[in-house]
Amino acid sequence: MKKDIHPQYFETQVHCGCGNTFVTRSTRKELKVDICNVCHPFYTGKLKYIDTAGRIEKFKNKFAGGYASLQRGKKAAAEPAAEG
């Protein structure tokens, strides 16, 4: 192996946005992260859907009737266009 080509390896203090801190090893002495295993929804099991525009509700309303309701809507919309 070549000498002096590898970066230094430090014991690193990691700070999360939620306030959690832990120690690991890295090429940096300190790391700041937005999300960690303490606050990530996958690990906590508390999955939140942030829907400010109402897109989820709109989707549920659109597809609530199933496939048949979608077909009826297409035919009703296509008939007036064909007559005109």
PDB file of N, CA and C in Angstrom:
ATOM      1  N   MET A   1       0.828  -1.183   0.000  1.00  0.00           N
ATOM      2  CA  MET A   1       0.000   0.000   0.000  1.00  0.00           C
ATOM      3  C   MET A   1       0.874   1.249   0.000  1.00  0.00           C
ATOM      4  N   LYS A   2       0.381   2.277  -0.649  1.00  0.00           N
ATOM      5  CA  LYS A   2       1.123   3.530  -0.696  1.00  0.00           C
ATOM      6  C   LYS A   2       1.004   4.262   0.630  1.00  0.00           C
ATOM      7  N   LYS A   3       2.056   4.962   0.986  1.00  0.00           N
ATOM      8  CA  LYS A   3       2.058   5.726   2.230  1.00  0.00           C
ATOM      9  C   LYS A   3       1.446   7.096   1.999  1.00  0.00           C
ATOM     10  N   ASP A   4       0.818   7.631   3.033  1.00  0.00           N
ATOM     11  CA  ASP A   4       0.291   8.999   3.077  1.00  0.00           C
ATOM     12  C   ASP A   4      -0.792   9.302   2.042  1.00  0.00           C
ATOM     13  N   ILE A   5      -1.568   8.292   1.627  1.00  0.00           N
ATOM     14  CA  ILE A   5      -2.683   8.575   0.715  1.00  0.00           C
ATOM     15  C   ILE A   5      -4.036   8.392   1.401  1.00  0.00           C
ATOM     16  N   HIS A   6      -4.031   7.795   2.561  1.00  0.00           N
ATOM     17  CA  HIS A   6      -5.276   7.533   3.277  1.00  0.00           C
ATOM     18  C   HIS A   6      -5.598   8.681   4.231  1.00  0.00           C
ATOM     19  N   PRO A   7      -6.862   9.060   4.327  1.00  0.00           N
ATOM     20  CA  PRO A   7      -7.223  10.150   5.248  1.00  0.00           C
ATOM     21  C   PRO A   7      -7.148   9.684   6.698  1.00  0.00           C
ATOM     22  N   GLN A   8      -7.059  10.647   7.597  1.00  0.00           N
ATOM     23  CA  GLN A   8      -7.045  10.318   9.023  1.00  0.00           C
ATOM     24  C   GLN A   8      -8.431   9.834   9.432  1.00  0.00           C
ATOM     25  N   TYR A   9      -8.469   8.929  10.381  1.00  0.00           N
ATOM     26  CA  TYR A   9      -9.710   8.318  10.837  1.00  0.00           C
ATOM     27  C   TYR A   9      -9.913   8.713  12.298  1.00  0.00           C
ATOM     28  N   PHE A  10     -10.999   9.448  12.591  1.00  0.00           N
ATOM     29  CA  PHE A  10     -11.244   9.991  13.922  1.00  0.00           C
ATOM     30  C   PHE A  10     -12.420   9.302  14.601  1.00  0.00           C
ATOM     31  N   GLU A  11     -12.434   9.421  15.920  1.00  0.00           N
ATOM     32  CA  GLU A  11     -13.634   9.068  16.673  1.00  0.00           C
ATOM     33  C   GLU A  11     -14.547  10.284  16.577  1.00  0.00           C
ATOM     34  N   THR A  12     -15.748  10.099  16.013  1.00  0.00           N
ATOM     35  CA  THR A  12     -16.611  11.207  15.609  1.00  0.00           C
ATOM     36  C   THR A  12     -17.842  11.307  16.487  1.00  0.00           C
ATOM     37  N   GLN A  13     -18.171  12.525  16.881  1.00  0.00           N
ATOM     38  CA  GLN A  13     -19.402  12.798  17.611  1.00  0.00           C
ATOM     39  C   GLN A  13     -20.457  13.219  16.591  1.00  0.00           C
ATOM     40  N   VAL A  14     -21.589  12.492  16.531  1.00  0.00           N
ATOM     41  CA  VAL A  14     -22.665  12.790  15.592  1.00  0.00           C
ATOM     42  C   VAL A  14     -23.804  13.447  16.360  1.00  0.00           C
ATOM     43  N   HIS A  15     -24.269  14.607  15.854  1.00  0.00           N
ATOM     44  CA  HIS A  15     -25.369  15.346  16.469  1.00  0.00           C
ATOM     45  C   HIS A  15     -26.545  15.346  15.503  1.00  0.00           C
ATOM     46  N   CYS A  16     -27.713  14.899  15.973  1.00  0.00           N
ATOM     47  CA  CYS A  16     -28.921  14.872  15.152  1.00  0.00           C
ATOM     48  C   CYS A  16     -29.780  16.103  15.452  1.00  0.00           C
ATOM     49  N   GLY A  17     -30.651  16.442  14.520  1.00  0.00           N
ATOM     50  CA  GLY A  17     -31.569  17.559  14.712  1.00  0.00           C
ATOM     51  C   GLY A  17     -32.553  17.333  15.841  1.00  0.00           C
ATOM     52  N   CYS A  18     -32.820  16.070  16.181  1.00  0.00           N
ATOM     53  CA  CYS A  18     -33.759  15.761  17.266  1.00  0.00           C
ATOM     54  C   CYS A  18     -33.115  15.887  18.641  1.00  0.00           C
ATOM     55  N   GLY A  19     -31.790  16.066  18.688  1.00  0.00           N
ATOM     56  CA  GLY A  19     -31.094  16.205  19.964  1.00  0.00           C
ATOM     57  C   GLY A  19     -30.280  14.983  20.337  1.00  0.00           C
ATOM     58  N   ASN A  20     -30.441  13.890  19.623  1.00  0.00           N
ATOM     59  CA  ASN A  20     -29.703  12.673  19.900  1.00  0.00           C
ATOM     60  C   ASN A  20     -28.246  12.835  19.473  1.00  0.00           C
ATOM     61  N   THR A  21     -27.326  12.286  20.272  1.00  0.00           N
ATOM     62  CA  THR A  21     -25.915  12.270  19.912  1.00  0.00           C
ATOM     63  C   THR A  21     -25.376  10.865  20.121  1.00  0.00           C
ATOM     64  N   PHE A  22     -24.429  10.493  19.290  1.00  0.00           N
ATOM     65  CA  PHE A  22     -23.753   9.211  19.445  1.00  0.00           C
ATOM     66  C   PHE A  22     -22.354   9.310  18.858  1.00  0.00           C
ATOM     67  N   VAL A  23     -21.522   8.333  19.188  1.00  0.00           N
ATOM     68  CA  VAL A  23     -20.129   8.327  18.764  1.00  0.00           C
ATOM     69  C   VAL A  23     -19.929   7.216  17.752  1.00  0.00           C
ATOM     70  N   THR A  24     -19.226   7.532  16.685  1.00  0.00           N
ATOM     71  CA  THR A  24     -18.857   6.558  15.665  1.00  0.00           C
ATOM     72  C   THR A  24     -17.471   6.922  15.159  1.00  0.00           C
ATOM     73  N   ARG A  25     -17.046   6.348  14.075  1.00  0.00           N
ATOM     74  CA  ARG A  25     -15.738   6.674  13.508  1.00  0.00           C
ATOM     75  C   ARG A  25     -15.922   7.184  12.088  1.00  0.00           C
ATOM     76  N   SER A  26     -15.160   8.208  11.726  1.00  0.00           N
ATOM     77  CA  SER A  26     -15.273   8.817  10.407  1.00  0.00           C
ATOM     78  C   SER A  26     -13.999   9.594  10.091  1.00  0.00           C
ATOM     79  N   THR A  27     -13.930  10.126   8.887  1.00  0.00           N
ATOM     80  CA  THR A  27     -12.802  10.973   8.514  1.00  0.00           C
ATOM     81  C   THR A  27     -13.015  12.414   8.971  1.00  0.00           C
ATOM     82  N   ARG A  28     -14.177  12.712   9.529  1.00  0.00           N
ATOM     83  CA  ARG A  28     -14.467  14.033  10.095  1.00  0.00           C
ATOM     84  C   ARG A  28     -14.553  13.923  11.610  1.00  0.00           C
ATOM     85  N   LYS A  29     -14.231  15.004  12.291  1.00  0.00           N
ATOM     86  CA  LYS A  29     -14.252  14.980  13.752  1.00  0.00           C
ATOM     87  C   LYS A  29     -15.653  15.158  14.314  1.00  0.00           C
ATOM     88  N   GLU A  30     -16.529  15.832  13.569  1.00  0.00           N
ATOM     89  CA  GLU A  30     -17.890  16.082  14.049  1.00  0.00           C
ATOM     90  C   GLU A  30     -18.848  16.054  12.855  1.00  0.00           C
ATOM     91  N   LEU A  31     -20.021  15.450  13.045  1.00  0.00           N
ATOM     92  CA  LEU A  31     -21.044  15.395  12.010  1.00  0.00           C
ATOM     93  C   LEU A  31     -22.362  15.914  12.560  1.00  0.00           C
ATOM     94  N   LYS A  32     -23.102  16.635  11.732  1.00  0.00           N
ATOM     95  CA  LYS A  32     -24.442  17.091  12.088  1.00  0.00           C
ATOM     96  C   LYS A  32     -25.405  16.522  11.049  1.00  0.00           C
ATOM     97  N   VAL A  33     -26.411  15.787  11.510  1.00  0.00           N
ATOM     98  CA  VAL A  33     -27.372  15.153  10.616  1.00  0.00           C
ATOM     99  C   VAL A  33     -28.774  15.641  10.939  1.00  0.00           C
ATOM    100  N   ASP A  34     -29.671  15.545   9.946  1.00  0.00           N
ATOM    101  CA  ASP A  34     -31.052  15.981  10.131  1.00  0.00           C
ATOM    102  C   ASP A  34     -31.914  14.908  10.774  1.00  0.00           C
ATOM    103  N   ILE A  35     -31.593  13.652  10.524  1.00  0.00           N
ATOM    104  CA  ILE A  35     -32.439  12.558  10.990  1.00  0.00           C
ATOM    105  C   ILE A  35     -31.557  11.372  11.362  1.00  0.00           C
ATOM    106  N   CYS A  36     -31.957  10.646  12.405  1.00  0.00           N
ATOM    107  CA  CYS A  36     -31.177   9.498  12.872  1.00  0.00           C
ATOM    108  C   CYS A  36     -32.126   8.336  13.180  1.00  0.00           C
ATOM    109  N   ASN A  37     -31.589   7.272  13.725  1.00  0.00           N
ATOM    110  CA  ASN A  37     -32.416   6.104  14.024  1.00  0.00           C
ATOM    111  C   ASN A  37     -33.405   6.349  15.158  1.00  0.00           C
ATOM    112  N   VAL A  38     -33.205   7.359  15.968  1.00  0.00           N
ATOM    113  CA  VAL A  38     -34.120   7.655  17.064  1.00  0.00           C
ATOM    114  C   VAL A  38     -35.373   8.378  16.559  1.00  0.00           C
ATOM    115  N   CYS A  39     -35.219   9.218  15.532  1.00  0.00           N
ATOM    116  CA  CYS A  39     -36.353  10.014  15.064  1.00  0.00           C
ATOM    117  C   CYS A  39     -36.863   9.607  13.678  1.00  0.00           C
ATOM    118  N   HIS A  40     -36.202   8.685  12.994  1.00  0.00           N
ATOM    119  CA  HIS A  40     -36.637   8.284  11.653  1.00  0.00           C
ATOM    120  C   HIS A  40     -37.918   7.445  11.741  1.00  0.00           C
ATOM    121  N   PRO A  41     -38.929   7.740  10.916  1.00  0.00           N
ATOM    122  CA  PRO A  41     -40.204   7.020  10.982  1.00  0.00           C
ATOM    123  C   PRO A  41     -40.080   5.516  10.749  1.00  0.00           C
ATOM    124  N   PHE A  42     -39.129   5.075   9.967  1.00  0.00           N
ATOM    125  CA  PHE A  42     -38.957   3.640   9.721  1.00  0.00           C
ATOM    126  C   PHE A  42     -38.592   2.907  11.000  1.00  0.00           C
ATOM    127  N   TYR A  43     -37.739   3.491  11.808  1.00  0.00           N
ATOM    128  CA  TYR A  43     -37.287   2.854  13.043  1.00  0.00           C
ATOM    129  C   TYR A  43     -38.250   3.077  14.203  1.00  0.00           C
ATOM    130  N   THR A  44     -38.946   4.207  14.221  1.00  0.00           N
ATOM    131  CA  THR A  44     -39.847   4.497  15.336  1.00  0.00           C
ATOM    132  C   THR A  44     -41.213   3.851  15.155  1.00  0.00           C
ATOM    133  N   GLY A  45     -41.600   3.572  13.905  1.00  0.00           N
ATOM    134  CA  GLY A  45     -42.919   3.009  13.642  1.00  0.00           C
ATOM    135  C   GLY A  45     -44.022   4.046  13.639  1.00  0.00           C
ATOM    136  N   LYS A  46     -43.671   5.294  13.742  1.00  0.00           N
ATOM    137  CA  LYS A  46     -44.641   6.387  13.750  1.00  0.00           C
ATOM    138  C   LYS A  46     -44.567   7.118  12.416  1.00  0.00           C
ATOM    139  N   LEU A  47     -45.177   6.528  11.403  1.00  0.00           N
ATOM    140  CA  LEU A  47     -45.152   7.106  10.075  1.00  0.00           C
ATOM    141  C   LEU A  47     -46.190   8.204   9.977  1.00  0.00           C
ATOM    142  N   LYS A  48     -45.761   9.392   9.575  1.00  0.00           N
ATOM    143  CA  LYS A  48     -46.666  10.531   9.456  1.00  0.00           C
ATOM    144  C   LYS A  48     -46.730  10.944   7.990  1.00  0.00           C
ATOM    145  N   TYR A  49     -47.937  11.192   7.518  1.00  0.00           N
ATOM    146  CA  TYR A  49     -48.107  11.730   6.184  1.00  0.00           C
ATOM    147  C   TYR A  49     -48.393  13.220   6.322  1.00  0.00           C
ATOM    148  N   ILE A  50     -47.518  14.030   5.802  1.00  0.00           N
ATOM    149  CA  ILE A  50     -47.713  15.468   5.834  1.00  0.00           C
ATOM    150  C   ILE A  50     -48.340  15.858   4.505  1.00  0.00           C
ATOM    151  N   ASP A  51     -49.617  16.241   4.561  1.00  0.00           N
ATOM    152  CA  ASP A  51     -50.368  16.514   3.349  1.00  0.00           C
ATOM    153  C   ASP A  51     -50.996  17.892   3.459  1.00  0.00           C
ATOM    154  N   THR A  52     -50.240  18.912   3.101  1.00  0.00           N
ATOM    155  CA  THR A  52     -50.747  20.275   3.229  1.00  0.00           C
ATOM    156  C   THR A  52     -51.647  20.662   2.073  1.00  0.00           C
ATOM    157  N   ALA A  53     -51.487  20.025   0.924  1.00  0.00           N
ATOM    158  CA  ALA A  53     -52.272  20.392  -0.254  1.00  0.00           C
ATOM    159  C   ALA A  53     -53.521  19.534  -0.417  1.00  0.00           C
ATOM    160  N   GLY A  54     -53.746  18.563   0.465  1.00  0.00           N
ATOM    161  CA  GLY A  54     -54.927  17.707   0.363  1.00  0.00           C
ATOM    162  C   GLY A  54     -54.826  16.671  -0.735  1.00  0.00           C
ATOM    163  N   ARG A  55     -53.625  16.325  -1.163  1.00  0.00           N
ATOM    164  CA  ARG A  55     -53.442  15.392  -2.273  1.00  0.00           C
ATOM    165  C   ARG A  55     -53.862  13.977  -1.916  1.00  0.00           C
ATOM    166  N   ILE A  56     -53.618  13.552  -0.687  1.00  0.00           N
ATOM    167  CA  ILE A  56     -53.987  12.189  -0.293  1.00  0.00           C
ATOM    168  C   ILE A  56     -55.502  12.045  -0.282  1.00  0.00           C
ATOM    169  N   GLU A  57     -56.193  13.019   0.274  1.00  0.00           N
ATOM    170  CA  GLU A  57     -57.660  12.985   0.314  1.00  0.00           C
ATOM    171  C   GLU A  57     -58.229  13.028  -1.103  1.00  0.00           C
ATOM    172  N   LYS A  58     -57.659  13.833  -1.957  1.00  0.00           N
ATOM    173  CA  LYS A  58     -58.113  13.915  -3.344  1.00  0.00           C
ATOM    174  C   LYS A  58     -57.928  12.572  -4.049  1.00  0.00           C
ATOM    175  N   PHE A  59     -56.804  11.913  -3.816  1.00  0.00           N
ATOM    176  CA  PHE A  59     -56.529  10.604  -4.397  1.00  0.00           C
ATOM    177  C   PHE A  59     -57.538   9.568  -3.903  1.00  0.00           C
ATOM    178  N   LYS A  60     -57.799   9.564  -2.597  1.00  0.00           N
ATOM    179  CA  LYS A  60     -58.755   8.610  -2.034  1.00  0.00           C
ATOM    180  C   LYS A  60     -60.150   8.821  -2.603  1.00  0.00           C
ATOM    181  N   ASN A  61     -60.556  10.067  -2.753  1.00  0.00           N
ATOM    182  CA  ASN A  61     -61.877  10.351  -3.326  1.00  0.00           C
ATOM    183  C   ASN A  61     -61.959   9.935  -4.783  1.00  0.00           C
ATOM    184  N   LYS A  62     -60.897  10.133  -5.522  1.00  0.00           N
ATOM    185  CA  LYS A  62     -60.873   9.814  -6.941  1.00  0.00           C
ATOM    186  C   LYS A  62     -60.987   8.316  -7.179  1.00  0.00           C
ATOM    187  N   PHE A  63     -60.295   7.533  -6.375  1.00  0.00           N
ATOM    188  CA  PHE A  63     -60.252   6.095  -6.580  1.00  0.00           C
ATOM    189  C   PHE A  63     -61.107   5.304  -5.591  1.00  0.00           C
ATOM    190  N   ALA A  64     -62.015   5.953  -4.892  1.00  0.00           N
ATOM    191  CA  ALA A  64     -62.852   5.290  -3.892  1.00  0.00           C
ATOM    192  C   ALA A  64     -63.821   4.300  -4.536  1.00  0.00           C
ATOM    193  N   GLY A  65     -64.337   4.612  -5.717  1.00  0.00           N
ATOM    194  CA  GLY A  65     -65.320   3.744  -6.368  1.00  0.00           C
ATOM    195  C   GLY A  65     -64.719   2.564  -7.089  1.00  0.00           C
ATOM    196  N   GLY A  66     -63.416   2.536  -7.265  1.00  0.00           N
ATOM    197  CA  GLY A  66     -62.769   1.434  -7.950  1.00  0.00           C
ATOM    198  C   GLY A  66     -62.635   1.692  -9.437  1.00  0.00           C
ATOM    199  N   TYR A  67     -62.263   0.675 -10.173  1.00  0.00           N
ATOM    200  CA  TYR A  67     -61.978   0.787 -11.607  1.00  0.00           C
ATOM    201  C   TYR A  67     -63.222   1.120 -12.414  1.00  0.00           C
ATOM    202  N   ALA A  68     -64.382   0.552 -12.060  1.00  0.00           N
ATOM    203  CA  ALA A  68     -65.617   0.772 -12.823  1.00  0.00           C
ATOM    204  C   ALA A  68     -66.029   2.241 -12.810  1.00  0.00           C
ATOM    205  N   SER A  69     -65.853   2.932 -11.699  1.00  0.00           N
ATOM    206  CA  SER A  69     -66.238   4.343 -11.635  1.00  0.00           C
ATOM    207  C   SER A  69     -65.343   5.192 -12.534  1.00  0.00           C
ATOM    208  N   LEU A  70     -64.108   4.785 -12.715  1.00  0.00           N
ATOM    209  CA  LEU A  70     -63.214   5.521 -13.605  1.00  0.00           C
ATOM    210  C   LEU A  70     -63.645   5.361 -15.055  1.00  0.00           C
ATOM    211  N   GLN A  71     -64.101   4.167 -15.430  1.00  0.00           N
ATOM    212  CA  GLN A  71     -64.535   3.922 -16.802  1.00  0.00           C
ATOM    213  C   GLN A  71     -65.803   4.704 -17.120  1.00  0.00           C
ATOM    214  N   ARG A  72     -66.737   4.766 -16.179  1.00  0.00           N
ATOM    215  CA  ARG A  72     -67.969   5.530 -16.402  1.00  0.00           C
ATOM    216  C   ARG A  72     -67.651   6.999 -16.618  1.00  0.00           C
ATOM    217  N   GLY A  73     -66.699   7.544 -15.868  1.00  0.00           N
ATOM    218  CA  GLY A  73     -66.334   8.952 -15.997  1.00  0.00           C
ATOM    219  C   GLY A  73     -65.727   9.245 -17.356  1.00  0.00           C
ATOM    220  N   LYS A  74     -64.949   8.333 -17.904  1.00  0.00           N
ATOM    221  CA  LYS A  74     -64.322   8.545 -19.205  1.00  0.00           C
ATOM    222  C   LYS A  74     -65.358   8.525 -20.322  1.00  0.00           C
ATOM    223  N   LYS A  75     -66.314   7.586 -20.264  1.00  0.00           N
ATOM    224  CA  LYS A  75     -67.338   7.484 -21.307  1.00  0.00           C
ATOM    225  C   LYS A  75     -68.244   8.711 -21.295  1.00  0.00           C
ATOM    226  N   ALA A  76     -68.628   9.165 -20.102  1.00  0.00           N
ATOM    227  CA  ALA A  76     -69.511  10.326 -19.991  1.00  0.00           C
ATOM    228  C   ALA A  76     -68.816  11.576 -20.523  1.00  0.00           C
ATOM    229  N   ALA A  77     -67.537  11.684 -20.307  1.00  0.00           N
ATOM    230  CA  ALA A  77     -66.790  12.843 -20.783  1.00  0.00           C
ATOM    231  C   ALA A  77     -66.553  12.746 -22.282  1.00  0.00           C
ATOM    232  N   ALA A  78     -66.433  11.539 -22.830  1.00  0.00           N
ATOM    233  CA  ALA A  78     -66.135  11.372 -24.256  1.00  0.00           C
ATOM    234  C   ALA A  78     -67.392  11.575 -25.112  1.00  0.00           C
ATOM    235  N   GLU A  79     -68.580  11.236 -24.629  1.00  0.00           N
ATOM    236  CA  GLU A  79     -69.803  11.342 -25.423  1.00  0.00           C
ATOM    237  C   GLU A  79     -70.135  12.769 -25.854  1.00  0.00           C
ATOM    238  N   PRO A  80     -70.115  13.769 -24.967  1.00  0.00           N
ATOM    239  CA  PRO A  80     -70.416  15.137 -25.400  1.00  0.00           C
ATOM    240  C   PRO A  80     -69.410  15.663 -26.416  1.00  0.00           C
ATOM    241  N   ALA A  81     -68.188  15.260 -26.320  1.00  0.00           N
ATOM    242  CA  ALA A  81     -67.165  15.723 -27.267  1.00  0.00           C
ATOM    243  C   ALA A  81     -67.430  15.151 -28.652  1.00  0.00           C
ATOM    244  N   ALA A  82     -67.938  13.905 -28.734  1.00  0.00           N
ATOM    245  CA  ALA A  82     -68.195  13.268 -30.018  1.00  0.00           C
ATOM    246  C   ALA A  82     -69.412  13.894 -30.706  1.00  0.00           C
ATOM    247  N   GLU A  83     -70.407  14.357 -29.930  1.00  0.00           N
ATOM    248  CA  GLU A  83     -71.618  14.938 -30.508  1.00  0.00           C
ATOM    249  C   GLU A  83     -71.343  16.325 -31.055  1.00  0.00           C
ATOM    250  N   GLY A  84     -70.498  17.085 -30.446  1.00  0.00           N
ATOM    251  CA  GLY A  84     -70.283  18.487 -30.771  1.00  0.00           C
ATOM    252  C   GLY A  84     -69.422  18.651 -31.932  1.00  0.00           C
TER     253      GLY A  84
END
